[in-house]
Amino acid sequence: MEGSGSTTLFPLHRTKTLHLVRHAHGAHQLEVEDRDALKSEELFDAQLSLQGWQQVDNLNKHINECGLAKKVELVIVSPLLRTMQTAVGAFGGVGDYADGTDVTPLMVENAGNSNRSATSNINTPPFLAVELCRERLGVYYCNRRRATSEYRTIFPAIDFSLIENEEDVLWKADARESYESLAVRGMQFIDWLWTRKEKEIAVVTHSCFLFHTLGAHGKDYQPTVQQEMCTRFANCELRSVVIADRG
């Protein structure tokens, strides 16, 4: 019997599973109809909206009910307030942080004026902040990050050791990153992920970053698969993909 040529076999040890998540609804998205409003310093490092936190709670419930919480070995997150809130809310410990415990919380109480309890770090995977998966850089203040020392006080259990600069030296007020540059950065990020030892990794990042990163990797795919890969993410959507070492 001849094969159809539409299927592919690949050694399991040459693959990794990525669980890609776009951050939940943010306060800056309330101004989405007025793009110039995103240039306002009032939206600096925008946090999640009330709607966004409801989305996070729903995703956390899904992740625990389907067993994904026990499979993920590492959570990588873009170092911005809304992505880190989404990451710890979705993949953090279930329930309120237990008072009196010696375990460092993933997120302190009322982080970003969220009116949320502290988030437990008990029985959760490591969380690692990585600048390669940040949103498109420049001009929009919602995409400018805070100093890492400030983030460390808000998210004590997130590892910021891979971020080289205390202040945000990548974001520019007068120039936006090109889509081409963003796609290149996304491909570099995927290549870097391949060097990690973990086999199942969650990535909490941004719409534009995901769209252009997946688009750069999906150019040679069959149209239906390409559409599945490259359709823009909804807020707090989780989409799982497999990367393979074809070398």
Protein backbone atom coordinates (compact mmCIF):
# COMPACT_ATOMS: atom_id res chain seq x y z
CA MET A 1 0.00 0.00 0.00
CA GLU A 2 1.39 3.37 -0.98
CA GLY A 3 1.27 6.27 1.46
CA SER A 4 -0.55 9.47 0.62
CA GLY A 5 2.44 11.65 1.47
CA SER A 6 0.26 13.81 3.71
CA THR A 7 1.55 12.41 7.00
CA THR A 8 4.96 12.60 8.66
CA LEU A 9 6.64 10.50 11.33
CA PHE A 10 9.16 12.12 13.65
CA PRO A 11 11.17 10.76 16.62
CA LEU A 12 9.54 11.98 19.84
CA HIS A 13 12.88 13.00 21.36
CA ARG A 14 13.33 15.50 18.53
CA THR A 15 10.16 17.42 19.42
CA LYS A 16 8.92 19.82 22.06
CA THR A 17 5.36 20.84 22.88
CA LEU A 18 4.65 24.55 23.30
CA HIS A 19 1.48 25.84 24.92
CA LEU A 20 1.12 29.37 23.57
CA VAL A 21 -1.06 31.87 25.43
CA ARG A 22 -1.95 35.43 24.57
CA HIS A 23 -2.39 37.62 27.67
CA ALA A 24 -5.92 38.26 28.90
CA HIS A 25 -7.84 41.46 28.19
CA GLY A 26 -5.83 44.49 29.26
CA ALA A 27 -6.77 47.99 30.39
CA HIS A 28 -5.13 49.40 27.26
CA GLN A 29 -7.60 47.51 25.08
CA LEU A 30 -10.40 49.71 26.36
CA GLU A 31 -8.79 52.36 24.15
CA VAL A 32 -8.34 50.09 21.14
CA GLU A 33 -10.61 52.17 18.86
CA ASP A 34 -8.32 55.15 19.36
CA ARG A 35 -4.82 53.99 18.45
CA ASP A 36 -3.36 57.38 19.37
CA ALA A 37 -4.55 56.80 22.93
CA LEU A 38 -2.02 53.96 23.17
CA LYS A 39 0.71 56.61 22.95
CA SER A 40 -0.44 58.01 26.29
CA GLU A 41 1.87 57.56 29.26
CA GLU A 42 -1.24 56.83 31.33
CA LEU A 43 -1.31 53.37 29.71
CA PHE A 44 2.30 52.63 30.63
CA ASP A 45 2.73 48.86 31.16
CA ALA A 46 -1.03 48.30 31.16
CA GLN A 47 -2.43 45.78 33.63
CA LEU A 48 -5.33 43.37 33.16
CA SER A 49 -8.88 44.64 33.17
CA LEU A 50 -11.64 43.08 35.28
CA GLN A 51 -12.72 41.19 32.15
CA GLY A 52 -9.14 39.99 31.76
CA TRP A 53 -9.02 38.54 35.28
CA GLN A 54 -12.26 36.67 34.61
CA GLN A 55 -10.62 35.19 31.48
CA VAL A 56 -7.57 34.19 33.54
CA ASP A 57 -9.73 32.40 36.12
CA ASN A 58 -11.48 30.47 33.34
CA LEU A 59 -8.14 29.47 31.79
CA ASN A 60 -6.76 28.38 35.16
CA LYS A 61 -9.81 26.15 35.64
CA HIS A 62 -9.35 24.63 32.17
CA ILE A 63 -5.60 24.05 32.66
CA ASN A 64 -6.21 22.18 35.91
CA GLU A 65 -9.23 20.20 34.72
CA CYS A 66 -7.53 18.94 31.54
CA GLY A 67 -4.32 17.97 33.37
CA LEU A 68 -2.07 20.47 31.61
CA ALA A 69 -1.00 21.99 34.91
CA LYS A 70 0.80 18.73 35.77
CA LYS A 71 2.52 18.46 32.37
CA VAL A 72 4.07 21.92 31.94
CA GLU A 73 7.70 21.95 33.05
CA LEU A 74 8.40 25.66 32.52
CA VAL A 75 6.39 28.86 32.07
CA ILE A 76 8.08 31.53 29.97
CA VAL A 77 6.57 34.98 30.13
CA SER A 78 7.06 38.36 28.48
CA PRO A 79 8.18 40.84 31.19
CA LEU A 80 5.16 43.13 31.14
CA LEU A 81 2.53 43.46 33.83
CA ARG A 82 -0.41 42.04 31.86
CA THR A 83 1.49 38.96 30.66
CA MET A 84 2.90 38.16 34.08
CA GLN A 85 -0.51 38.61 35.70
CA THR A 86 -1.95 36.23 33.09
CA ALA A 87 0.85 33.69 33.56
CA VAL A 88 0.69 33.47 37.35
CA GLY A 89 -3.11 33.54 37.34
CA ALA A 90 -3.36 30.74 34.78
CA PHE A 91 -0.45 28.49 35.79
CA GLY A 92 -0.02 29.44 39.46
CA GLY A 93 -1.27 27.50 42.44
CA VAL A 94 -5.00 27.05 42.89
CA GLY A 95 -6.62 29.06 45.67
CA ASP A 96 -5.31 31.88 47.83
CA TYR A 97 -1.74 32.03 49.04
CA ALA A 98 -1.49 30.43 52.46
CA ASP A 99 -0.55 32.89 55.19
CA GLY A 100 2.39 31.85 57.30
CA THR A 101 4.09 29.68 54.71
CA ASP A 102 7.76 30.17 53.92
CA VAL A 103 7.23 29.66 50.16
CA THR A 104 7.76 32.82 48.11
CA PRO A 105 4.53 33.81 46.30
CA LEU A 106 4.39 34.06 42.53
CA MET A 107 2.49 37.34 42.80
CA VAL A 108 1.98 39.54 45.84
CA GLU A 109 -1.42 40.68 47.01
CA ASN A 110 -3.06 43.46 44.96
CA ALA A 111 -0.34 43.37 42.29
CA GLY A 112 -0.90 46.22 39.83
CA ASN A 113 -3.92 47.39 41.86
CA SER A 114 -5.65 44.16 40.84
CA ASN A 115 -7.45 43.62 44.16
CA ARG A 116 -6.33 39.98 43.96
CA SER A 117 -4.98 37.77 46.70
CA ALA A 118 -1.36 36.66 46.55
CA THR A 119 -0.78 33.71 44.20
CA SER A 120 0.74 30.49 45.50
CA ASN A 121 4.02 29.10 44.18
CA ILE A 122 3.39 25.66 45.67
CA ASN A 123 3.52 22.74 43.21
CA THR A 124 3.96 25.00 40.19
CA PRO A 125 6.62 24.92 37.42
CA PRO A 126 9.39 27.54 37.33
CA PHE A 127 8.51 30.91 35.79
CA LEU A 128 11.10 32.66 33.61
CA ALA A 129 10.87 36.17 32.14
CA VAL A 130 12.35 36.50 28.61
CA GLU A 131 12.56 39.71 26.58
CA LEU A 132 12.71 37.95 23.21
CA CYS A 133 8.95 37.27 23.44
CA ARG A 134 7.90 40.85 24.21
CA GLU A 135 5.26 42.67 22.20
CA ARG A 136 6.19 44.88 19.24
CA LEU A 137 8.52 47.52 20.65
CA GLY A 138 8.25 51.29 20.58
CA VAL A 139 5.81 54.26 20.65
CA TYR A 140 2.92 52.58 22.53
CA TYR A 141 3.45 53.03 26.26
CA CYS A 142 1.48 49.90 27.09
CA ASN A 143 4.43 47.93 25.65
CA ARG A 144 7.10 49.65 27.73
CA ARG A 145 8.25 47.64 30.73
CA ARG A 146 9.12 48.71 34.24
CA ALA A 147 12.47 48.32 35.96
CA THR A 148 13.19 44.69 36.80
CA SER A 149 13.68 45.62 40.48
CA GLU A 150 10.05 46.79 40.59
CA TYR A 151 8.83 43.59 38.95
CA ARG A 152 10.77 41.49 41.46
CA THR A 153 8.81 43.06 44.32
CA ILE A 154 5.49 42.30 42.57
CA PHE A 155 6.35 38.82 41.26
CA PRO A 156 8.91 37.47 43.76
CA ALA A 157 9.07 33.91 42.40
CA ILE A 158 9.51 34.81 38.71
CA ASP A 159 13.12 34.46 37.53
CA PHE A 160 14.35 37.69 35.87
CA SER A 161 18.00 36.61 35.62
CA LEU A 162 18.00 36.49 31.78
CA ILE A 163 17.06 40.18 31.51
CA GLU A 164 20.34 42.04 31.18
CA ASN A 165 19.25 45.63 31.82
CA GLU A 166 17.45 47.04 34.84
CA GLU A 167 15.67 49.67 32.74
CA ASP A 168 13.90 49.14 29.43
CA VAL A 169 16.54 49.95 26.82
CA LEU A 170 14.68 48.23 23.96
CA TRP A 171 11.57 50.45 23.83
CA LYS A 172 11.84 53.79 21.99
CA ALA A 173 9.29 56.59 22.18
CA ASP A 174 9.88 57.75 18.61
CA ALA A 175 10.29 54.51 16.62
CA ARG A 176 8.27 51.28 16.34
CA GLU A 177 9.86 47.94 15.63
CA SER A 178 9.23 46.74 12.07
CA TYR A 179 7.14 43.63 11.45
CA GLU A 180 10.17 42.07 9.74
CA SER A 181 12.32 42.64 12.80
CA LEU A 182 9.59 41.28 15.04
CA ALA A 183 9.37 38.09 12.97
CA VAL A 184 13.14 37.63 13.13
CA ARG A 185 13.02 38.06 16.90
CA GLY A 186 10.24 35.50 17.06
CA MET A 187 12.28 32.97 15.08
CA GLN A 188 15.25 33.60 17.39
CA PHE A 189 12.96 32.93 20.33
CA ILE A 190 11.80 29.59 18.91
CA ASP A 191 15.42 28.61 18.21
CA TRP A 192 16.30 29.53 21.80
CA LEU A 193 13.39 27.44 23.12
CA TRP A 194 14.84 24.44 21.33
CA THR A 195 18.02 24.73 23.45
CA ARG A 196 16.01 24.34 26.66
CA LYS A 197 16.02 20.96 28.37
CA GLU A 198 12.27 21.04 29.09
CA LYS A 199 10.01 19.12 26.71
CA GLU A 200 6.69 20.82 27.52
CA ILE A 201 6.75 24.59 27.87
CA ALA A 202 4.06 27.26 28.30
CA VAL A 203 4.69 30.69 26.76
CA VAL A 204 2.58 33.68 27.80
CA THR A 205 3.07 36.53 25.38
CA HIS A 206 1.28 38.94 22.99
CA SER A 207 -0.96 38.99 19.91
CA CYS A 208 1.37 40.74 17.46
CA PHE A 209 4.36 38.69 18.56
CA LEU A 210 2.48 35.41 18.14
CA PHE A 211 0.96 36.40 14.79
CA HIS A 212 4.27 37.29 13.15
CA THR A 213 6.28 34.49 14.79
CA LEU A 214 3.85 31.77 13.71
CA GLY A 215 3.48 33.41 10.30
CA ALA A 216 7.23 33.23 9.76
CA HIS A 217 7.21 29.51 10.57
CA GLY A 218 4.05 28.60 8.66
CA LYS A 219 4.83 29.81 5.14
CA ASP A 220 5.38 26.33 3.71
CA TYR A 221 2.37 24.68 5.33
CA GLN A 222 -0.76 23.42 3.62
CA PRO A 223 -3.36 26.27 3.62
CA THR A 224 -5.65 24.72 6.24
CA VAL A 225 -2.76 24.13 8.63
CA GLN A 226 -1.39 27.58 7.91
CA GLN A 227 -4.73 29.12 8.82
CA GLU A 228 -4.85 27.16 12.06
CA MET A 229 -1.33 28.26 12.92
CA CYS A 230 -1.45 31.90 11.89
CA THR A 231 -4.92 33.11 12.86
CA ARG A 232 -4.66 35.88 15.43
CA PHE A 233 -5.10 34.83 19.05
CA ALA A 234 -8.07 35.96 21.11
CA ASN A 235 -7.39 37.29 24.59
CA CYS A 236 -6.30 34.50 26.94
CA GLU A 237 -6.50 31.90 24.16
CA LEU A 238 -4.32 28.82 24.59
CA ARG A 239 -3.05 27.09 21.48
CA SER A 240 -0.64 24.14 21.57
CA VAL A 241 1.95 23.40 18.88
CA VAL A 242 4.87 21.02 18.42
CA ILE A 243 8.33 22.08 17.27
CA ALA A 244 10.69 19.55 15.75
CA ASP A 245 14.40 19.35 15.02
CA ARG A 246 14.46 18.60 11.29
CA GLY A 247 18.27 18.66 11.23
